[in-house]
Amino acid sequence: MFVVNFKLDIKKILIACVIIALFVATIMEFGTKTSSSSVNSNISNYDYDLTDENYTECLKNIHENIEENLGKTIHLTGFVFRMPDFKENYIVCGRNTILNNEDKVAGILCDYSDAKNLVDNEWIEVTGVITKGNYNGDMPILKVGNIKKITAPANTFVKNIMEDQAQ
């Protein structure tokens, strides 16, 4: 028969429990911040996080101030759009907008090495860095860092600031 006799020091046990609880709480909070920022696109560390409301305004700023925006990061959603004369690795991530009572596509030219595997009109979520390139003149080109296929939103149109200024 084996008998163990030990003395419990309640004070030390409570201190150990508090330290363990603080450690666990810290880990859980760090994990929550990390996962929520990558899942919730409203909370971001991007220089430009394009939404339905600011889409064309951000694009206008980027196009008009290419040099000041070089190296900045962008997060946006849109559909795949191509022009017949695009290079193999070029697509536009675009959204529908209305200008002068006509449907138009507003978007940014994206340089993506695997662009050939994307289908026209397929919806994507893109993040990347603004670079400068040439397509019928100097223009910003988004060097894609991450891309994933998504479901089209209920409203595929974005607000057009040019339309607001015309009124």
C-alpha atoms as a PDB file:
ATOM      1  CA  MET A   1       0.000   0.000   0.000  1.00  0.00           C
ATOM      2  CA  PHE A   2       1.247   3.435  -0.947  1.00  0.00           C
ATOM      3  CA  VAL A   3       0.293   6.537   1.033  1.00  0.00           C
ATOM      4  CA  VAL A   4       1.014  10.101  -0.021  1.00  0.00           C
ATOM      5  CA  ASN A   5       0.938  12.875   2.494  1.00  0.00           C
ATOM      6  CA  PHE A   6       1.275  16.448   1.259  1.00  0.00           C
ATOM      7  CA  LYS A   7       0.431  19.856   2.568  1.00  0.00           C
ATOM      8  CA  LEU A   8      -1.681  22.207   0.412  1.00  0.00           C
ATOM      9  CA  ASP A   9      -0.640  25.839   0.333  1.00  0.00           C
ATOM     10  CA  ILE A  10      -3.863  27.589  -0.737  1.00  0.00           C
ATOM     11  CA  LYS A  11      -2.103  30.938  -1.291  1.00  0.00           C
ATOM     12  CA  LYS A  12       0.361  29.422  -3.793  1.00  0.00           C
ATOM     13  CA  ILE A  13      -2.418  27.523  -5.563  1.00  0.00           C
ATOM     14  CA  LEU A  14      -4.488  30.717  -5.988  1.00  0.00           C
ATOM     15  CA  ILE A  15      -1.493  32.656  -7.345  1.00  0.00           C
ATOM     16  CA  ALA A  16      -0.767  29.850  -9.826  1.00  0.00           C
ATOM     17  CA  CYS A  17      -4.432  29.811 -10.945  1.00  0.00           C
ATOM     18  CA  VAL A  18      -4.431  33.586 -11.512  1.00  0.00           C
ATOM     19  CA  ILE A  19      -1.216  33.400 -13.562  1.00  0.00           C
ATOM     20  CA  ILE A  20      -2.594  30.560 -15.685  1.00  0.00           C
ATOM     21  CA  ALA A  21      -5.901  32.412 -16.205  1.00  0.00           C
ATOM     22  CA  LEU A  22      -4.086  35.579 -17.341  1.00  0.00           C
ATOM     23  CA  PHE A  23      -1.915  33.555 -19.704  1.00  0.00           C
ATOM     24  CA  VAL A  24      -4.935  31.815 -21.257  1.00  0.00           C
ATOM     25  CA  ALA A  25      -6.862  35.106 -21.568  1.00  0.00           C
ATOM     26  CA  THR A  26      -3.905  36.724 -23.348  1.00  0.00           C
ATOM     27  CA  ILE A  27      -3.632  33.872 -25.832  1.00  0.00           C
ATOM     28  CA  MET A  28      -7.382  33.896 -26.507  1.00  0.00           C
ATOM     29  CA  GLU A  29      -7.454  37.671 -27.079  1.00  0.00           C
ATOM     30  CA  PHE A  30      -4.490  37.505 -29.467  1.00  0.00           C
ATOM     31  CA  GLY A  31      -6.167  34.692 -31.401  1.00  0.00           C
ATOM     32  CA  THR A  32      -9.434  36.621 -31.633  1.00  0.00           C
ATOM     33  CA  LYS A  33      -7.714  39.754 -32.955  1.00  0.00           C
ATOM     34  CA  THR A  34      -5.757  37.791 -35.516  1.00  0.00           C
ATOM     35  CA  SER A  35      -8.673  35.790 -36.857  1.00  0.00           C
ATOM     36  CA  SER A  36     -11.217  38.624 -36.849  1.00  0.00           C
ATOM     37  CA  SER A  37      -8.997  40.975 -38.816  1.00  0.00           C
ATOM     38  CA  SER A  38      -8.435  38.391 -41.542  1.00  0.00           C
ATOM     39  CA  VAL A  39     -12.103  37.433 -41.752  1.00  0.00           C
ATOM     40  CA  ASN A  40     -13.786  40.821 -41.390  1.00  0.00           C
ATOM     41  CA  SER A  41     -12.861  42.973 -44.381  1.00  0.00           C
ATOM     42  CA  ASN A  42     -14.276  46.080 -42.664  1.00  0.00           C
ATOM     43  CA  ILE A  43     -11.336  45.986 -40.267  1.00  0.00           C
ATOM     44  CA  SER A  44      -8.151  46.083 -42.285  1.00  0.00           C
ATOM     45  CA  ASN A  45      -4.594  47.176 -42.480  1.00  0.00           C
ATOM     46  CA  TYR A  46      -4.876  48.099 -46.151  1.00  0.00           C
ATOM     47  CA  ASP A  47      -4.180  51.577 -47.463  1.00  0.00           C
ATOM     48  CA  TYR A  48      -7.317  51.250 -49.601  1.00  0.00           C
ATOM     49  CA  ASP A  49     -10.219  48.972 -48.664  1.00  0.00           C
ATOM     50  CA  LEU A  50     -12.685  49.488 -51.508  1.00  0.00           C
ATOM     51  CA  THR A  51     -16.382  49.235 -50.661  1.00  0.00           C
ATOM     52  CA  ASP A  52     -19.617  49.856 -52.591  1.00  0.00           C
ATOM     53  CA  GLU A  53     -19.601  53.451 -51.343  1.00  0.00           C
ATOM     54  CA  ASN A  54     -15.940  54.440 -51.886  1.00  0.00           C
ATOM     55  CA  TYR A  55     -15.003  52.251 -54.877  1.00  0.00           C
ATOM     56  CA  THR A  56     -14.862  54.862 -57.645  1.00  0.00           C
ATOM     57  CA  GLU A  57     -13.527  57.588 -55.348  1.00  0.00           C
ATOM     58  CA  CYS A  58     -10.561  55.401 -54.327  1.00  0.00           C
ATOM     59  CA  LEU A  59      -9.898  54.341 -57.918  1.00  0.00           C
ATOM     60  CA  LYS A  60      -9.973  57.956 -59.070  1.00  0.00           C
ATOM     61  CA  ASN A  61      -7.458  58.927 -56.372  1.00  0.00           C
ATOM     62  CA  ILE A  62      -5.170  56.022 -57.258  1.00  0.00           C
ATOM     63  CA  HIS A  63      -5.275  56.809 -61.005  1.00  0.00           C
ATOM     64  CA  GLU A  64      -4.770  60.549 -60.567  1.00  0.00           C
ATOM     65  CA  ASN A  65      -1.911  60.155 -58.049  1.00  0.00           C
ATOM     66  CA  ILE A  66       0.021  57.132 -59.266  1.00  0.00           C
ATOM     67  CA  GLU A  67       3.409  58.175 -57.885  1.00  0.00           C
ATOM     68  CA  GLU A  68       2.038  58.930 -54.400  1.00  0.00           C
ATOM     69  CA  ASN A  69       0.255  55.568 -54.294  1.00  0.00           C
ATOM     70  CA  LEU A  70       3.117  53.314 -55.387  1.00  0.00           C
ATOM     71  CA  GLY A  71       3.645  50.541 -52.840  1.00  0.00           C
ATOM     72  CA  LYS A  72       0.285  51.064 -51.137  1.00  0.00           C
ATOM     73  CA  THR A  73      -1.947  48.075 -50.493  1.00  0.00           C
ATOM     74  CA  ILE A  74      -5.476  47.520 -51.759  1.00  0.00           C
ATOM     75  CA  HIS A  75      -8.309  45.158 -50.878  1.00  0.00           C
ATOM     76  CA  LEU A  76     -11.289  44.945 -53.230  1.00  0.00           C
ATOM     77  CA  THR A  77     -13.891  42.644 -54.701  1.00  0.00           C
ATOM     78  CA  GLY A  78     -15.143  42.534 -58.242  1.00  0.00           C
ATOM     79  CA  PHE A  79     -15.576  40.438 -61.322  1.00  0.00           C
ATOM     80  CA  VAL A  80     -12.920  39.356 -63.808  1.00  0.00           C
ATOM     81  CA  PHE A  81     -12.921  41.540 -66.914  1.00  0.00           C
ATOM     82  CA  ARG A  82     -10.529  41.385 -69.874  1.00  0.00           C
ATOM     83  CA  MET A  83      -9.857  43.444 -72.949  1.00  0.00           C
ATOM     84  CA  PRO A  84      -8.790  41.620 -76.127  1.00  0.00           C
ATOM     85  CA  ASP A  85      -5.332  43.248 -76.120  1.00  0.00           C
ATOM     86  CA  PHE A  86      -4.424  42.404 -72.490  1.00  0.00           C
ATOM     87  CA  LYS A  87      -1.233  40.546 -71.735  1.00  0.00           C
ATOM     88  CA  GLU A  88      -1.792  36.953 -70.592  1.00  0.00           C
ATOM     89  CA  ASN A  89      -1.270  37.878 -66.919  1.00  0.00           C
ATOM     90  CA  TYR A  90      -3.588  40.928 -66.962  1.00  0.00           C
ATOM     91  CA  ILE A  91      -7.203  41.161 -65.806  1.00  0.00           C
ATOM     92  CA  VAL A  92      -9.345  43.928 -64.422  1.00  0.00           C
ATOM     93  CA  CYS A  93     -11.027  43.423 -61.071  1.00  0.00           C
ATOM     94  CA  GLY A  94     -14.077  45.544 -61.749  1.00  0.00           C
ATOM     95  CA  ARG A  95     -17.538  46.517 -60.622  1.00  0.00           C
ATOM     96  CA  ASN A  96     -20.566  47.778 -62.489  1.00  0.00           C
ATOM     97  CA  THR A  97     -21.342  51.473 -62.215  1.00  0.00           C
ATOM     98  CA  ILE A  98     -23.586  53.915 -64.038  1.00  0.00           C
ATOM     99  CA  LEU A  99     -22.235  57.019 -65.751  1.00  0.00           C
ATOM    100  CA  ASN A 100     -24.426  59.234 -67.935  1.00  0.00           C
ATOM    101  CA  ASN A 101     -27.208  56.616 -67.797  1.00  0.00           C
ATOM    102  CA  GLU A 102     -24.901  53.925 -69.230  1.00  0.00           C
ATOM    103  CA  ASP A 103     -23.558  50.814 -67.557  1.00  0.00           C
ATOM    104  CA  LYS A 104     -19.775  51.018 -67.215  1.00  0.00           C
ATOM    105  CA  VAL A 105     -17.063  48.934 -65.570  1.00  0.00           C
ATOM    106  CA  ALA A 106     -14.904  50.618 -62.934  1.00  0.00           C
ATOM    107  CA  GLY A 107     -11.864  48.695 -61.825  1.00  0.00           C
ATOM    108  CA  ILE A 108      -8.132  48.347 -61.586  1.00  0.00           C
ATOM    109  CA  LEU A 109      -5.770  46.518 -63.880  1.00  0.00           C
ATOM    110  CA  CYS A 110      -4.288  43.536 -62.047  1.00  0.00           C
ATOM    111  CA  ASP A 111      -1.076  41.677 -62.781  1.00  0.00           C
ATOM    112  CA  TYR A 112      -1.629  38.065 -61.715  1.00  0.00           C
ATOM    113  CA  SER A 113       0.630  35.211 -62.819  1.00  0.00           C
ATOM    114  CA  ASP A 114      -2.261  32.725 -62.831  1.00  0.00           C
ATOM    115  CA  ALA A 115      -4.759  35.004 -64.615  1.00  0.00           C
ATOM    116  CA  LYS A 116      -5.340  32.464 -67.382  1.00  0.00           C
ATOM    117  CA  ASN A 117      -7.114  30.237 -64.827  1.00  0.00           C
ATOM    118  CA  LEU A 118      -9.717  32.891 -64.010  1.00  0.00           C
ATOM    119  CA  VAL A 119     -13.001  32.944 -65.915  1.00  0.00           C
ATOM    120  CA  ASP A 120     -14.493  36.174 -67.275  1.00  0.00           C
ATOM    121  CA  ASN A 121     -17.282  37.558 -65.040  1.00  0.00           C
ATOM    122  CA  GLU A 122     -16.188  35.307 -62.163  1.00  0.00           C
ATOM    123  CA  TRP A 123     -16.246  37.155 -58.817  1.00  0.00           C
ATOM    124  CA  ILE A 124     -12.994  37.498 -56.896  1.00  0.00           C
ATOM    125  CA  GLU A 125     -11.596  39.111 -53.770  1.00  0.00           C
ATOM    126  CA  VAL A 126      -8.159  40.598 -54.377  1.00  0.00           C
ATOM    127  CA  THR A 127      -5.396  42.101 -52.283  1.00  0.00           C
ATOM    128  CA  GLY A 128      -2.195  43.494 -53.672  1.00  0.00           C
ATOM    129  CA  VAL A 129       0.291  46.325 -53.996  1.00  0.00           C
ATOM    130  CA  ILE A 130       0.075  49.266 -56.390  1.00  0.00           C
ATOM    131  CA  THR A 131       2.797  49.376 -59.030  1.00  0.00           C
ATOM    132  CA  LYS A 132       3.193  51.513 -62.139  1.00  0.00           C
ATOM    133  CA  GLY A 133       2.888  50.056 -65.600  1.00  0.00           C
ATOM    134  CA  ASN A 134       1.853  50.853 -69.115  1.00  0.00           C
ATOM    135  CA  TYR A 135      -1.389  50.035 -70.836  1.00  0.00           C
ATOM    136  CA  ASN A 136      -2.229  52.738 -73.367  1.00  0.00           C
ATOM    137  CA  GLY A 137      -0.137  55.086 -71.203  1.00  0.00           C
ATOM    138  CA  ASP A 138       1.125  55.117 -67.613  1.00  0.00           C
ATOM    139  CA  MET A 139      -1.321  53.666 -65.155  1.00  0.00           C
ATOM    140  CA  PRO A 140      -1.472  51.994 -61.763  1.00  0.00           C
ATOM    141  CA  ILE A 141      -1.360  48.220 -61.877  1.00  0.00           C
ATOM    142  CA  LEU A 142      -2.210  46.075 -58.885  1.00  0.00           C
ATOM    143  CA  LYS A 143       0.407  43.376 -58.347  1.00  0.00           C
ATOM    144  CA  VAL A 144      -1.799  40.658 -56.893  1.00  0.00           C
ATOM    145  CA  GLY A 145      -0.667  39.192 -53.590  1.00  0.00           C
ATOM    146  CA  ASN A 146      -3.764  37.156 -52.772  1.00  0.00           C
ATOM    147  CA  ILE A 147      -6.854  36.267 -54.748  1.00  0.00           C
ATOM    148  CA  LYS A 148      -9.831  34.061 -54.009  1.00  0.00           C
ATOM    149  CA  LYS A 149     -13.063  33.249 -55.775  1.00  0.00           C
ATOM    150  CA  ILE A 150     -16.228  34.533 -54.092  1.00  0.00           C
ATOM    151  CA  THR A 151     -19.971  34.618 -54.640  1.00  0.00           C
ATOM    152  CA  ALA A 152     -21.308  37.706 -56.387  1.00  0.00           C
ATOM    153  CA  PRO A 153     -22.892  40.234 -54.006  1.00  0.00           C
ATOM    154  CA  ALA A 154     -26.613  40.977 -54.178  1.00  0.00           C
ATOM    155  CA  ASN A 155     -25.795  44.433 -55.568  1.00  0.00           C
ATOM    156  CA  THR A 156     -23.075  44.318 -58.213  1.00  0.00           C
ATOM    157  CA  PHE A 157     -23.154  48.092 -58.750  1.00  0.00           C
ATOM    158  CA  VAL A 158     -21.040  50.658 -56.920  1.00  0.00           C
ATOM    159  CA  LYS A 159     -21.629  54.348 -56.356  1.00  0.00           C
ATOM    160  CA  ASN A 160     -20.053  56.514 -59.049  1.00  0.00           C
ATOM    161  CA  ILE A 161     -18.664  59.815 -57.765  1.00  0.00           C
ATOM    162  CA  MET A 162     -18.458  61.142 -61.323  1.00  0.00           C
ATOM    163  CA  GLU A 163     -22.242  60.822 -61.608  1.00  0.00           C
ATOM    164  CA  ASP A 164     -22.646  62.764 -58.344  1.00  0.00           C
ATOM    165  CA  GLN A 165     -20.402  65.546 -59.642  1.00  0.00           C
ATOM    166  CA  ALA A 166     -22.355  65.786 -62.919  1.00  0.00           C
ATOM    167  CA  GLN A 167     -25.614  66.503 -61.094  1.00  0.00           C
END
